[in-house]
Amino acid sequence: MIRSLKVLAPFSLAANVITIGVTIAALIPNLGLVISLVGAVASTALSVIFPPICETIIFWPNKLGRFKWQLILNLLIIIFGVYVFIAGTTLSISNIVACIREGAGCDD
């Protein structure tokens, strides 16, 4: 008998997470393709686009360096991030469309 729910809570949480993960994997037969799309969107936004935006907001308007070089650098990084975002998302969506056209069993 468990006397405290504090002991049971972590095990219950782990079981729920595993159950949800298995359910999602069963419902989405080509989960890897969906994960690649989410990765293309989230990783680009979080690692390339958002940091220079946050830095520009923090240092706006007086601490951007001589000739506003920090603003120019941040804009170049954001433009590169948008390019990578578009390229990665386009590739992921084209893989998903190709898999749907081909039928089930797209594991590569």
C-alpha atoms as a PDB file:
ATOM      1  CA  MET A   1       0.000   0.000   0.000  1.00  0.00           C
ATOM      2  CA  ILE A   2       1.220   3.446  -0.874  1.00  0.00           C
ATOM      3  CA  ARG A   3       0.729   5.862   1.992  1.00  0.00           C
ATOM      4  CA  SER A   4       1.580   9.052   0.092  1.00  0.00           C
ATOM      5  CA  LEU A   5       0.665  10.129  -3.399  1.00  0.00           C
ATOM      6  CA  LYS A   6       3.966  12.009  -3.586  1.00  0.00           C
ATOM      7  CA  VAL A   7       5.685   8.670  -4.107  1.00  0.00           C
ATOM      8  CA  LEU A   8       3.221   7.570  -6.789  1.00  0.00           C
ATOM      9  CA  ALA A   9       3.124  10.851  -8.755  1.00  0.00           C
ATOM     10  CA  PRO A  10       6.460  10.486 -10.648  1.00  0.00           C
ATOM     11  CA  PHE A  11       5.602   6.945 -11.722  1.00  0.00           C
ATOM     12  CA  SER A  12       2.153   8.006 -12.820  1.00  0.00           C
ATOM     13  CA  LEU A  13       3.638  10.893 -14.809  1.00  0.00           C
ATOM     14  CA  ALA A  14       6.139   8.591 -16.514  1.00  0.00           C
ATOM     15  CA  ALA A  15       3.406   6.098 -17.389  1.00  0.00           C
ATOM     16  CA  ASN A  16       1.228   8.864 -18.824  1.00  0.00           C
ATOM     17  CA  VAL A  17       4.070  10.242 -20.947  1.00  0.00           C
ATOM     18  CA  ILE A  18       4.875   6.780 -22.297  1.00  0.00           C
ATOM     19  CA  THR A  19       1.203   6.108 -23.034  1.00  0.00           C
ATOM     20  CA  ILE A  20       0.809   9.414 -24.876  1.00  0.00           C
ATOM     21  CA  GLY A  21       4.013   8.789 -26.850  1.00  0.00           C
ATOM     22  CA  VAL A  22       2.943   5.307 -27.907  1.00  0.00           C
ATOM     23  CA  THR A  23      -0.528   6.583 -28.843  1.00  0.00           C
ATOM     24  CA  ILE A  24       0.914   9.371 -31.000  1.00  0.00           C
ATOM     25  CA  ALA A  25       3.337   6.929 -32.656  1.00  0.00           C
ATOM     26  CA  ALA A  26       0.447   4.557 -33.423  1.00  0.00           C
ATOM     27  CA  LEU A  27      -1.760   7.307 -34.806  1.00  0.00           C
ATOM     28  CA  ILE A  28       0.927   8.815 -37.019  1.00  0.00           C
ATOM     29  CA  PRO A  29       2.526   6.020 -39.051  1.00  0.00           C
ATOM     30  CA  ASN A  30       5.313   8.237 -40.423  1.00  0.00           C
ATOM     31  CA  LEU A  31       6.195  10.035 -37.237  1.00  0.00           C
ATOM     32  CA  GLY A  32       9.761  10.754 -38.350  1.00  0.00           C
ATOM     33  CA  LEU A  33       8.552  12.998 -41.147  1.00  0.00           C
ATOM     34  CA  VAL A  34       6.343  14.994 -38.791  1.00  0.00           C
ATOM     35  CA  ILE A  35       9.190  15.300 -36.297  1.00  0.00           C
ATOM     36  CA  SER A  36      11.486  16.590 -39.065  1.00  0.00           C
ATOM     37  CA  LEU A  37       8.925  19.272 -39.928  1.00  0.00           C
ATOM     38  CA  VAL A  38       8.592  20.317 -36.282  1.00  0.00           C
ATOM     39  CA  GLY A  39      12.378  20.314 -35.958  1.00  0.00           C
ATOM     40  CA  ALA A  40      12.825  22.459 -39.047  1.00  0.00           C
ATOM     41  CA  VAL A  41      10.376  25.020 -37.726  1.00  0.00           C
ATOM     42  CA  ALA A  42      11.236  25.036 -34.026  1.00  0.00           C
ATOM     43  CA  SER A  43      15.018  24.675 -34.133  1.00  0.00           C
ATOM     44  CA  THR A  44      15.496  27.400 -36.714  1.00  0.00           C
ATOM     45  CA  ALA A  45      13.226  29.803 -34.887  1.00  0.00           C
ATOM     46  CA  LEU A  46      14.695  29.129 -31.453  1.00  0.00           C
ATOM     47  CA  SER A  47      18.361  28.987 -32.380  1.00  0.00           C
ATOM     48  CA  VAL A  48      18.795  31.409 -35.287  1.00  0.00           C
ATOM     49  CA  ILE A  49      15.898  33.858 -35.520  1.00  0.00           C
ATOM     50  CA  PHE A  50      14.800  34.668 -31.956  1.00  0.00           C
ATOM     51  CA  PRO A  51      18.214  35.446 -30.331  1.00  0.00           C
ATOM     52  CA  PRO A  52      19.102  38.375 -32.643  1.00  0.00           C
ATOM     53  CA  ILE A  53      15.547  39.703 -32.330  1.00  0.00           C
ATOM     54  CA  CYS A  54      15.820  39.593 -28.534  1.00  0.00           C
ATOM     55  CA  GLU A  55      19.271  41.188 -28.615  1.00  0.00           C
ATOM     56  CA  THR A  56      18.027  44.011 -30.841  1.00  0.00           C
ATOM     57  CA  ILE A  57      15.073  44.641 -28.538  1.00  0.00           C
ATOM     58  CA  ILE A  58      17.312  44.671 -25.465  1.00  0.00           C
ATOM     59  CA  PHE A  59      19.894  47.073 -26.903  1.00  0.00           C
ATOM     60  CA  TRP A  60      17.443  49.299 -28.796  1.00  0.00           C
ATOM     61  CA  PRO A  61      18.057  52.188 -29.602  1.00  0.00           C
ATOM     62  CA  ASN A  62      21.288  53.413 -28.016  1.00  0.00           C
ATOM     63  CA  LYS A  63      23.484  50.339 -27.488  1.00  0.00           C
ATOM     64  CA  LEU A  64      23.737  48.962 -31.023  1.00  0.00           C
ATOM     65  CA  GLY A  65      27.313  50.102 -31.587  1.00  0.00           C
ATOM     66  CA  ARG A  66      28.939  52.587 -33.891  1.00  0.00           C
ATOM     67  CA  PHE A  67      27.029  52.962 -37.170  1.00  0.00           C
ATOM     68  CA  LYS A  68      24.426  50.572 -35.714  1.00  0.00           C
ATOM     69  CA  TRP A  69      26.668  47.626 -36.649  1.00  0.00           C
ATOM     70  CA  GLN A  70      24.932  45.317 -34.178  1.00  0.00           C
ATOM     71  CA  LEU A  71      21.567  46.019 -35.818  1.00  0.00           C
ATOM     72  CA  ILE A  72      23.012  45.279 -39.273  1.00  0.00           C
ATOM     73  CA  LEU A  73      24.599  42.043 -38.043  1.00  0.00           C
ATOM     74  CA  ASN A  74      21.364  40.956 -36.366  1.00  0.00           C
ATOM     75  CA  LEU A  75      19.384  41.681 -39.537  1.00  0.00           C
ATOM     76  CA  LEU A  76      21.801  39.570 -41.590  1.00  0.00           C
ATOM     77  CA  ILE A  77      21.485  36.708 -39.108  1.00  0.00           C
ATOM     78  CA  ILE A  78      17.678  36.988 -39.185  1.00  0.00           C
ATOM     79  CA  ILE A  79      17.676  36.950 -43.007  1.00  0.00           C
ATOM     80  CA  PHE A  80      19.894  33.853 -42.982  1.00  0.00           C
ATOM     81  CA  GLY A  81      17.594  32.250 -40.390  1.00  0.00           C
ATOM     82  CA  VAL A  82      14.516  32.923 -42.503  1.00  0.00           C
ATOM     83  CA  TYR A  83      16.287  31.365 -45.500  1.00  0.00           C
ATOM     84  CA  VAL A  84      17.184  28.247 -43.488  1.00  0.00           C
ATOM     85  CA  PHE A  85      13.637  28.144 -42.083  1.00  0.00           C
ATOM     86  CA  ILE A  86      12.113  28.251 -45.574  1.00  0.00           C
ATOM     87  CA  ALA A  87      14.564  25.690 -46.977  1.00  0.00           C
ATOM     88  CA  GLY A  88      14.123  23.220 -44.098  1.00  0.00           C
ATOM     89  CA  THR A  89      10.353  23.555 -44.008  1.00  0.00           C
ATOM     90  CA  THR A  90      10.100  23.178 -47.789  1.00  0.00           C
ATOM     91  CA  LEU A  91      12.250  20.045 -47.715  1.00  0.00           C
ATOM     92  CA  SER A  92      10.237  18.508 -44.879  1.00  0.00           C
ATOM     93  CA  ILE A  93       6.903  19.271 -46.540  1.00  0.00           C
ATOM     94  CA  SER A  94       8.119  17.884 -49.872  1.00  0.00           C
ATOM     95  CA  ASN A  95       9.176  14.666 -48.101  1.00  0.00           C
ATOM     96  CA  ILE A  96       5.761  14.393 -46.463  1.00  0.00           C
ATOM     97  CA  VAL A  97       3.969  14.978 -49.790  1.00  0.00           C
ATOM     98  CA  ALA A  98       6.193  12.419 -51.549  1.00  0.00           C
ATOM     99  CA  CYS A  99       5.458   9.893 -48.822  1.00  0.00           C
ATOM    100  CA  ILE A 100       1.711  10.472 -49.079  1.00  0.00           C
ATOM    101  CA  ARG A 101       1.827  10.051 -52.865  1.00  0.00           C
ATOM    102  CA  GLU A 102       3.944   6.924 -52.575  1.00  0.00           C
ATOM    103  CA  GLY A 103       1.735   5.349 -49.931  1.00  0.00           C
ATOM    104  CA  ALA A 104       2.480   3.746 -46.589  1.00  0.00           C
ATOM    105  CA  GLY A 105       5.950   2.649 -45.615  1.00  0.00           C
ATOM    106  CA  CYS A 106       8.064   5.784 -46.066  1.00  0.00           C
ATOM    107  CA  ASP A 107      10.767   5.171 -43.524  1.00  0.00           C
ATOM    108  CA  ASP A 108      13.652   6.999 -45.185  1.00  0.00           C
END
